[in-house]
Structures are given as C-alpha cells and as structure tokens.
C-alpha cells in the first residue's frame, strides 16, 4: 500500500541520558532527514539539574498526541510499541488480546 506520507516519528523512552542506546546515531538521522524522521527522547529519571532540555517522564497520552499522527489519519498510521511488559500493557493493553486497548485504544488507534 502506498502511504500519503513517508514520515517516521520515534518516541524513545529511557531512564536517563546515559541509557539512550544509539542516541547520537538517531540524532544524526533526524538532523539529516528532518522532514521524514522525527526523533524524541523521553527520559523518566534524568536529574532535574542536568542540561537535558527534552521531554521528561514517560511516553504518555500527551506525548503521543503531541508527536504522533492522530488515529483519524486511518490506515496510513502504523504504531509499533517495543518495551517492557508494563509499558506495552499501558499503551496497548494485554499482548494476548487482538484489540488495541490502553492509551492507544483510548486515542482511537486500532489493529
């Protein structure tokens, strides 16, 4: 299927800046492909006095709404979730259920 857009947005959750795997490479990709690749770090345990200026906390409803296309864009929107079971469950619902639940379900995304 041909997509209307060829954009990729990555919300990358880590505990702190030192835990970001491949961060320099991802940042370079974003700089080199700004119109097609949006990269956002979300740090849950970064010290408040650090020089980090990006998103803090967890990947949540507000960040999904801010950085990802809305579910109303239809079949052109594909979201992949990778992370520990608790994150998956909060975002998508139980892995053994085909219906999207959790935050993504609340926002209208479906499988």
C-alpha atoms as a PDB file:
ATOM      1  CA  UNK A   1       0.000   0.000   0.000  1.00  0.00           C
ATOM      2  CA  UNK A   2       1.299   3.443  -0.912  1.00  0.00           C
ATOM      3  CA  UNK A   3       1.337   5.861   2.007  1.00  0.00           C
ATOM      4  CA  UNK A   4       0.297   9.510   1.731  1.00  0.00           C
ATOM      5  CA  UNK A   5       3.384  10.375   3.738  1.00  0.00           C
ATOM      6  CA  UNK A   6       6.681   8.723   4.339  1.00  0.00           C
ATOM      7  CA  UNK A   7       7.359  10.076   7.801  1.00  0.00           C
ATOM      8  CA  UNK A   8       8.628   8.214  10.835  1.00  0.00           C
ATOM      9  CA  UNK A   9       8.366   9.507  14.393  1.00  0.00           C
ATOM     10  CA  UNK A  10      10.254   7.758  17.181  1.00  0.00           C
ATOM     11  CA  UNK A  11       9.397   8.325  20.828  1.00  0.00           C
ATOM     12  CA  UNK A  12      12.353   6.740  22.623  1.00  0.00           C
ATOM     13  CA  UNK A  13      11.914   6.198  26.346  1.00  0.00           C
ATOM     14  CA  UNK A  14      14.967   5.810  28.577  1.00  0.00           C
ATOM     15  CA  UNK A  15      15.691   6.335  32.259  1.00  0.00           C
ATOM     16  CA  UNK A  16      18.379   8.967  31.716  1.00  0.00           C
ATOM     17  CA  UNK A  17      20.624  10.391  29.018  1.00  0.00           C
ATOM     18  CA  UNK A  18      23.329   7.784  29.689  1.00  0.00           C
ATOM     19  CA  UNK A  19      20.829   4.972  28.924  1.00  0.00           C
ATOM     20  CA  UNK A  20      19.989   6.116  25.390  1.00  0.00           C
ATOM     21  CA  UNK A  21      21.238   3.383  23.064  1.00  0.00           C
ATOM     22  CA  UNK A  22      22.322   4.742  19.689  1.00  0.00           C
ATOM     23  CA  UNK A  23      21.256   8.268  20.613  1.00  0.00           C
ATOM     24  CA  UNK A  24      23.970  10.007  18.613  1.00  0.00           C
ATOM     25  CA  UNK A  25      23.124   7.954  15.520  1.00  0.00           C
ATOM     26  CA  UNK A  26      19.383   8.616  15.907  1.00  0.00           C
ATOM     27  CA  UNK A  27      20.001  12.333  16.388  1.00  0.00           C
ATOM     28  CA  UNK A  28      22.156  12.398  13.232  1.00  0.00           C
ATOM     29  CA  UNK A  29      19.410  10.623  11.266  1.00  0.00           C
ATOM     30  CA  UNK A  30      16.907  13.224  12.499  1.00  0.00           C
ATOM     31  CA  UNK A  31      19.229  16.075  11.514  1.00  0.00           C
ATOM     32  CA  UNK A  32      19.915  14.564   8.081  1.00  0.00           C
ATOM     33  CA  UNK A  33      16.271  13.632   7.422  1.00  0.00           C
ATOM     34  CA  UNK A  34      14.335  16.309   9.299  1.00  0.00           C
ATOM     35  CA  UNK A  35      11.299  16.234   7.039  1.00  0.00           C
ATOM     36  CA  UNK A  36      10.964  12.456   7.234  1.00  0.00           C
ATOM     37  CA  UNK A  37      12.325  11.408  10.634  1.00  0.00           C
ATOM     38  CA  UNK A  38      11.331  12.942  13.956  1.00  0.00           C
ATOM     39  CA  UNK A  39      13.239  11.639  16.989  1.00  0.00           C
ATOM     40  CA  UNK A  40      12.146  12.457  20.541  1.00  0.00           C
ATOM     41  CA  UNK A  41      13.838  11.212  23.694  1.00  0.00           C
ATOM     42  CA  UNK A  42      11.623  10.834  26.763  1.00  0.00           C
ATOM     43  CA  UNK A  43      13.634  10.455  29.972  1.00  0.00           C
ATOM     44  CA  UNK A  44      11.937   9.161  33.102  1.00  0.00           C
ATOM     45  CA  UNK A  45      14.719   9.566  35.644  1.00  0.00           C
ATOM     46  CA  UNK A  46      17.026  12.301  34.360  1.00  0.00           C
ATOM     47  CA  UNK A  47      18.356  14.503  37.189  1.00  0.00           C
ATOM     48  CA  UNK A  48      16.484  17.803  37.330  1.00  0.00           C
ATOM     49  CA  UNK A  49      19.764  19.754  37.365  1.00  0.00           C
ATOM     50  CA  UNK A  50      21.104  18.164  34.167  1.00  0.00           C
ATOM     51  CA  UNK A  51      21.470  20.122  30.943  1.00  0.00           C
ATOM     52  CA  UNK A  52      18.892  17.892  29.201  1.00  0.00           C
ATOM     53  CA  UNK A  53      16.182  20.048  27.606  1.00  0.00           C
ATOM     54  CA  UNK A  54      13.928  17.390  26.068  1.00  0.00           C
ATOM     55  CA  UNK A  55      10.832  15.537  27.211  1.00  0.00           C
ATOM     56  CA  UNK A  56      10.731  14.084  30.713  1.00  0.00           C
ATOM     57  CA  UNK A  57       8.505  11.497  32.311  1.00  0.00           C
ATOM     58  CA  UNK A  58       7.042   8.565  30.402  1.00  0.00           C
ATOM     59  CA  UNK A  59       5.599   8.062  26.942  1.00  0.00           C
ATOM     60  CA  UNK A  60       2.028   9.007  27.762  1.00  0.00           C
ATOM     61  CA  UNK A  61      -1.173  10.242  26.155  1.00  0.00           C
ATOM     62  CA  UNK A  62       0.035  13.842  25.914  1.00  0.00           C
ATOM     63  CA  UNK A  63       3.299  12.928  24.192  1.00  0.00           C
ATOM     64  CA  UNK A  64       1.555  10.570  21.774  1.00  0.00           C
ATOM     65  CA  UNK A  65      -0.880  13.343  20.847  1.00  0.00           C
ATOM     66  CA  UNK A  66       1.959  15.851  20.522  1.00  0.00           C
ATOM     67  CA  UNK A  67       4.339  13.796  18.371  1.00  0.00           C
ATOM     68  CA  UNK A  68       2.397  11.071  16.530  1.00  0.00           C
ATOM     69  CA  UNK A  69      -0.235  11.397  13.820  1.00  0.00           C
ATOM     70  CA  UNK A  70      -3.830  11.023  15.000  1.00  0.00           C
ATOM     71  CA  UNK A  71      -5.741   7.774  14.604  1.00  0.00           C
ATOM     72  CA  UNK A  72      -8.144   9.664  12.347  1.00  0.00           C
ATOM     73  CA  UNK A  73      -5.442   9.591   9.626  1.00  0.00           C
ATOM     74  CA  UNK A  74      -6.557   5.982   9.146  1.00  0.00           C
ATOM     75  CA  UNK A  75      -4.543   3.183   7.607  1.00  0.00           C
ATOM     76  CA  UNK A  76      -1.562   5.454   6.938  1.00  0.00           C
ATOM     77  CA  UNK A  77      -0.794   5.414  10.666  1.00  0.00           C
ATOM     78  CA  UNK A  78       1.201   2.461  11.945  1.00  0.00           C
ATOM     79  CA  UNK A  79       2.479   2.442  15.514  1.00  0.00           C
ATOM     80  CA  UNK A  80       4.996  -0.086  16.791  1.00  0.00           C
ATOM     81  CA  UNK A  81       5.449  -0.469  20.535  1.00  0.00           C
ATOM     82  CA  UNK A  82       8.563  -2.068  21.952  1.00  0.00           C
ATOM     83  CA  UNK A  83       9.379  -2.102  25.624  1.00  0.00           C
ATOM     84  CA  UNK A  84       8.896  -3.879  28.912  1.00  0.00           C
ATOM     85  CA  UNK A  85       5.554  -5.613  29.542  1.00  0.00           C
ATOM     86  CA  UNK A  86       4.197  -2.842  31.773  1.00  0.00           C
ATOM     87  CA  UNK A  87       4.811  -0.216  29.083  1.00  0.00           C
ATOM     88  CA  UNK A  88       3.210  -2.391  26.422  1.00  0.00           C
ATOM     89  CA  UNK A  89       0.180  -3.041  28.599  1.00  0.00           C
ATOM     90  CA  UNK A  90      -0.292   0.651  29.449  1.00  0.00           C
ATOM     91  CA  UNK A  91      -0.003   1.715  25.817  1.00  0.00           C
ATOM     92  CA  UNK A  92      -1.736  -1.175  24.012  1.00  0.00           C
ATOM     93  CA  UNK A  93      -3.423  -3.465  26.512  1.00  0.00           C
ATOM     94  CA  UNK A  94      -2.686  -7.170  27.019  1.00  0.00           C
ATOM     95  CA  UNK A  95      -0.461  -8.761  24.364  1.00  0.00           C
ATOM     96  CA  UNK A  96      -2.748 -11.778  24.047  1.00  0.00           C
ATOM     97  CA  UNK A  97      -5.755  -9.670  23.002  1.00  0.00           C
ATOM     98  CA  UNK A  98      -6.043  -8.622  19.348  1.00  0.00           C
ATOM     99  CA  UNK A  99      -7.962  -5.414  20.108  1.00  0.00           C
ATOM    100  CA  UNK A 100      -5.897  -2.315  20.907  1.00  0.00           C
ATOM    101  CA  UNK A 101      -6.678  -1.079  24.407  1.00  0.00           C
ATOM    102  CA  UNK A 102      -4.738   1.099  26.824  1.00  0.00           C
ATOM    103  CA  UNK A 103      -3.785   4.655  25.907  1.00  0.00           C
ATOM    104  CA  UNK A 104      -3.610   3.936  22.168  1.00  0.00           C
ATOM    105  CA  UNK A 105      -7.090   2.406  22.261  1.00  0.00           C
ATOM    106  CA  UNK A 106      -8.427   5.438  24.155  1.00  0.00           C
ATOM    107  CA  UNK A 107      -6.998   7.650  21.413  1.00  0.00           C
ATOM    108  CA  UNK A 108      -8.810   5.651  18.708  1.00  0.00           C
ATOM    109  CA  UNK A 109      -5.966   3.588  17.258  1.00  0.00           C
ATOM    110  CA  UNK A 110      -6.862   0.045  16.220  1.00  0.00           C
ATOM    111  CA  UNK A 111      -5.152  -3.074  14.940  1.00  0.00           C
END
